[in-house]
C-alpha atoms as a PDB file:
ATOM      1  CA  UNK A   1     100.291 144.166 112.416  1.00  0.00           C
ATOM      2  CA  UNK A   2      99.377 140.587 113.353  1.00  0.00           C
ATOM      3  CA  UNK A   3      99.148 139.648 109.657  1.00  0.00           C
ATOM      4  CA  UNK A   4     102.641 141.106 109.017  1.00  0.00           C
ATOM      5  CA  UNK A   5     103.905 138.865 111.812  1.00  0.00           C
ATOM      6  CA  UNK A   6     102.439 135.774 110.146  1.00  0.00           C
ATOM      7  CA  UNK A   7     103.739 136.839 106.709  1.00  0.00           C
ATOM      8  CA  UNK A   8     107.240 136.974 108.180  1.00  0.00           C
ATOM      9  CA  UNK A   9     106.703 133.562 109.744  1.00  0.00           C
ATOM     10  CA  UNK A  10     105.718 132.191 106.295  1.00  0.00           C
ATOM     11  CA  UNK A  11     108.905 133.653 104.762  1.00  0.00           C
ATOM     12  CA  UNK A  12     111.002 132.134 107.548  1.00  0.00           C
ATOM     13  CA  UNK A  13     109.365 128.726 107.110  1.00  0.00           C
ATOM     14  CA  UNK A  14     109.996 128.936 103.369  1.00  0.00           C
ATOM     15  CA  UNK A  15     113.668 129.667 104.076  1.00  0.00           C
ATOM     16  CA  UNK A  16     113.811 126.672 106.443  1.00  0.00           C
ATOM     17  CA  UNK A  17     112.327 124.459 103.717  1.00  0.00           C
ATOM     18  CA  UNK A  18     114.968 125.707 101.275  1.00  0.00           C
ATOM     19  CA  UNK A  19     117.718 124.975 103.775  1.00  0.00           C
ATOM     20  CA  UNK A  20     116.453 121.440 104.367  1.00  0.00           C
ATOM     21  CA  UNK A  21     116.306 120.874 100.604  1.00  0.00           C
ATOM     22  CA  UNK A  22     120.004 121.692 100.312  1.00  0.00           C
ATOM     23  CA  UNK A  23     120.708 119.233 103.131  1.00  0.00           C
ATOM     24  CA  UNK A  24     118.481 116.670 101.380  1.00  0.00           C
ATOM     25  CA  UNK A  25     116.437 116.239 104.533  1.00  0.00           C
ATOM     26  CA  UNK A  26     113.225 115.772 102.590  1.00  0.00           C
ATOM     27  CA  UNK A  27     111.083 114.681 105.541  1.00  0.00           C
ATOM     28  CA  UNK A  28     111.889 117.992 107.262  1.00  0.00           C
ATOM     29  CA  UNK A  29     111.039 119.896 104.068  1.00  0.00           C
ATOM     30  CA  UNK A  30     107.605 118.303 104.017  1.00  0.00           C
ATOM     31  CA  UNK A  31     107.128 118.972 107.730  1.00  0.00           C
ATOM     32  CA  UNK A  32     108.020 122.656 107.322  1.00  0.00           C
ATOM     33  CA  UNK A  33     105.738 123.151 104.324  1.00  0.00           C
ATOM     34  CA  UNK A  34     102.852 121.434 106.117  1.00  0.00           C
ATOM     35  CA  UNK A  35     103.362 123.671 109.156  1.00  0.00           C
ATOM     36  CA  UNK A  36     103.334 126.764 106.915  1.00  0.00           C
ATOM     37  CA  UNK A  37     100.214 125.595 105.114  1.00  0.00           C
ATOM     38  CA  UNK A  38      98.462 125.029 108.426  1.00  0.00           C
ATOM     39  CA  UNK A  39      98.263 128.800 108.918  1.00  0.00           C
ATOM     40  CA  UNK A  40      94.781 128.967 107.385  1.00  0.00           C
ATOM     41  CA  UNK A  41      94.238 132.632 108.329  1.00  0.00           C
ATOM     42  CA  UNK A  42      96.647 133.587 105.531  1.00  0.00           C
ATOM     43  CA  UNK A  43      95.229 131.419 102.740  1.00  0.00           C
ATOM     44  CA  UNK A  44      94.340 134.511 100.705  1.00  0.00           C
ATOM     45  CA  UNK A  45      97.889 136.003 100.873  1.00  0.00           C
ATOM     46  CA  UNK A  46     100.287 135.812  97.979  1.00  0.00           C
ATOM     47  CA  UNK A  47     102.995 134.386 100.224  1.00  0.00           C
ATOM     48  CA  UNK A  48     100.716 131.516 101.213  1.00  0.00           C
ATOM     49  CA  UNK A  49     100.063 130.752  97.541  1.00  0.00           C
ATOM     50  CA  UNK A  50     103.823 130.864  96.894  1.00  0.00           C
ATOM     51  CA  UNK A  51     104.489 128.336  99.640  1.00  0.00           C
ATOM     52  CA  UNK A  52     101.666 126.134  98.403  1.00  0.00           C
ATOM     53  CA  UNK A  53     103.164 126.173  94.887  1.00  0.00           C
ATOM     54  CA  UNK A  54     106.648 125.498  96.233  1.00  0.00           C
ATOM     55  CA  UNK A  55     105.314 122.542  98.202  1.00  0.00           C
ATOM     56  CA  UNK A  56     103.529 121.122  95.157  1.00  0.00           C
ATOM     57  CA  UNK A  57     106.691 121.592  93.059  1.00  0.00           C
ATOM     58  CA  UNK A  58     108.703 119.814  95.739  1.00  0.00           C
ATOM     59  CA  UNK A  59     106.293 116.877  95.806  1.00  0.00           C
ATOM     60  CA  UNK A  60     106.628 116.631  92.004  1.00  0.00           C
ATOM     61  CA  UNK A  61     110.387 116.691  92.371  1.00  0.00           C
ATOM     62  CA  UNK A  62     110.268 113.839  94.883  1.00  0.00           C
ATOM     63  CA  UNK A  63     108.091 111.803  92.579  1.00  0.00           C
ATOM     64  CA  UNK A  64     110.386 112.452  89.627  1.00  0.00           C
ATOM     65  CA  UNK A  65     113.423 111.540  91.754  1.00  0.00           C
ATOM     66  CA  UNK A  66     111.708 108.283  92.800  1.00  0.00           C
ATOM     67  CA  UNK A  67     110.870 107.482  89.167  1.00  0.00           C
ATOM     68  CA  UNK A  68     114.425 108.205  88.115  1.00  0.00           C
ATOM     69  CA  UNK A  69     115.845 105.909  90.812  1.00  0.00           C
ATOM     70  CA  UNK A  70     113.514 103.129  89.738  1.00  0.00           C
ATOM     71  CA  UNK A  71     114.588 103.552  86.119  1.00  0.00           C
ATOM     72  CA  UNK A  72     118.367 103.502  86.513  1.00  0.00           C
ATOM     73  CA  UNK A  73     120.252 102.544  83.429  1.00  0.00           C
ATOM     74  CA  UNK A  74     121.987  99.207  83.282  1.00  0.00           C
ATOM     75  CA  UNK A  75     123.573  99.990  79.945  1.00  0.00           C
ATOM     76  CA  UNK A  76     123.953 102.722  77.329  1.00  0.00           C
ATOM     77  CA  UNK A  77     121.045 101.429  75.251  1.00  0.00           C
ATOM     78  CA  UNK A  78     118.665 101.803  78.212  1.00  0.00           C
ATOM     79  CA  UNK A  79     119.906 105.322  78.728  1.00  0.00           C
ATOM     80  CA  UNK A  80     119.285 106.195  75.062  1.00  0.00           C
ATOM     81  CA  UNK A  81     115.794 104.651  75.216  1.00  0.00           C
ATOM     82  CA  UNK A  82     114.996 106.723  78.278  1.00  0.00           C
ATOM     83  CA  UNK A  83     115.589 109.950  76.400  1.00  0.00           C
ATOM     84  CA  UNK A  84     112.270 109.356  74.663  1.00  0.00           C
ATOM     85  CA  UNK A  85     110.485 108.742  77.976  1.00  0.00           C
ATOM     86  CA  UNK A  86     108.550 111.600  79.552  1.00  0.00           C
ATOM     87  CA  UNK A  87     109.447 111.770  83.220  1.00  0.00           C
ATOM     88  CA  UNK A  88     106.998 114.585  83.939  1.00  0.00           C
ATOM     89  CA  UNK A  89     103.360 114.296  84.909  1.00  0.00           C
ATOM     90  CA  UNK A  90     102.255 116.659  82.134  1.00  0.00           C
ATOM     91  CA  UNK A  91      99.313 115.255  80.252  1.00  0.00           C
ATOM     92  CA  UNK A  92      99.475 117.832  77.480  1.00  0.00           C
END
Protein backbone atom coordinates (compact mmCIF):
# COMPACT_ATOMS: atom_id res chain seq x y z
CA UNK A 1 0.00 0.00 0.00
CA UNK A 2 2.81 2.40 0.87
CA UNK A 3 4.58 1.59 -2.41
CA UNK A 4 1.37 2.32 -4.37
CA UNK A 5 1.29 5.72 -2.68
CA UNK A 6 4.84 6.49 -3.82
CA UNK A 7 4.14 5.22 -7.34
CA UNK A 8 1.25 7.68 -7.55
CA UNK A 9 3.54 10.42 -6.28
CA UNK A 10 6.04 9.58 -9.05
CA UNK A 11 3.28 9.82 -11.66
CA UNK A 12 2.14 13.16 -10.26
CA UNK A 13 5.70 14.52 -10.27
CA UNK A 14 6.12 13.37 -13.87
CA UNK A 15 2.91 15.24 -14.76
CA UNK A 16 4.25 18.35 -13.03
CA UNK A 17 7.47 18.09 -15.03
CA UNK A 18 5.47 17.82 -18.25
CA UNK A 19 3.42 20.88 -17.30
CA UNK A 20 6.53 22.92 -16.57
CA UNK A 21 8.01 21.85 -19.91
CA UNK A 22 4.99 23.30 -21.70
CA UNK A 23 5.46 26.53 -19.75
CA UNK A 24 9.18 26.46 -20.62
CA UNK A 25 10.05 26.74 -16.91
CA UNK A 26 13.07 24.49 -17.30
CA UNK A 27 14.50 25.13 -13.82
CA UNK A 28 11.26 23.82 -12.32
CA UNK A 29 11.37 20.78 -14.59
CA UNK A 30 14.82 19.92 -13.29
CA UNK A 31 13.71 20.52 -9.70
CA UNK A 32 10.70 18.21 -10.08
CA UNK A 33 12.72 15.43 -11.72
CA UNK A 34 15.38 15.64 -9.02
CA UNK A 35 12.70 15.44 -6.31
CA UNK A 36 11.21 12.37 -7.98
CA UNK A 37 14.61 10.73 -8.33
CA UNK A 38 15.34 11.35 -4.66
CA UNK A 39 12.77 8.67 -3.74
CA UNK A 40 15.44 5.97 -3.55
CA UNK A 41 13.06 3.34 -2.13
CA UNK A 42 11.51 3.02 -5.60
CA UNK A 43 14.67 2.73 -7.68
CA UNK A 44 13.70 -0.78 -8.79
CA UNK A 45 10.24 0.27 -10.05
CA UNK A 46 9.46 0.72 -13.73
CA UNK A 47 8.00 4.17 -13.04
CA UNK A 48 11.26 5.29 -11.44
CA UNK A 49 13.18 4.12 -14.49
CA UNK A 50 10.71 5.98 -16.74
CA UNK A 51 11.26 9.21 -14.81
CA UNK A 52 15.02 8.72 -14.91
CA UNK A 53 14.86 8.24 -18.70
CA UNK A 54 12.60 11.28 -19.10
CA UNK A 55 15.03 13.36 -17.04
CA UNK A 56 18.01 12.25 -19.12
CA UNK A 57 16.08 12.96 -22.33
CA UNK A 58 15.20 16.40 -21.00
CA UNK A 59 18.83 17.17 -20.18
CA UNK A 60 19.78 16.14 -23.73
CA UNK A 61 17.04 18.41 -25.07
CA UNK A 62 18.43 21.35 -23.05
CA UNK A 63 21.92 20.69 -24.36
CA UNK A 64 20.66 20.47 -27.93
CA UNK A 65 18.66 23.68 -27.46
CA UNK A 66 21.76 25.44 -26.10
CA UNK A 67 23.84 24.20 -29.04
CA UNK A 68 21.19 25.37 -31.48
CA UNK A 69 21.08 28.85 -29.93
CA UNK A 70 24.86 29.09 -30.13
CA UNK A 71 24.77 28.08 -33.80
CA UNK A 72 22.14 30.47 -35.11
CA UNK A 73 22.30 31.12 -38.78
CA UNK A 74 23.42 34.50 -40.01
CA UNK A 75 22.67 33.62 -43.62
CA UNK A 76 21.24 30.91 -45.84
CA UNK A 77 24.65 29.40 -46.54
CA UNK A 78 25.26 28.83 -42.82
CA UNK A 79 21.88 27.17 -42.57
CA UNK A 80 22.66 24.84 -45.47
CA UNK A 81 26.05 23.98 -43.96
CA UNK A 82 24.38 23.14 -40.67
CA UNK A 83 22.27 20.44 -42.29
CA UNK A 84 25.40 18.33 -42.41
CA UNK A 85 26.18 18.94 -38.74
CA UNK A 86 25.15 16.32 -36.20
CA UNK A 87 23.44 18.08 -33.30
CA UNK A 88 23.01 14.86 -31.31
CA UNK A 89 25.43 13.31 -28.86
CA UNK A 90 25.33 9.94 -30.62
CA UNK A 91 28.79 8.56 -31.15
CA UNK A 92 27.64 5.75 -33.43
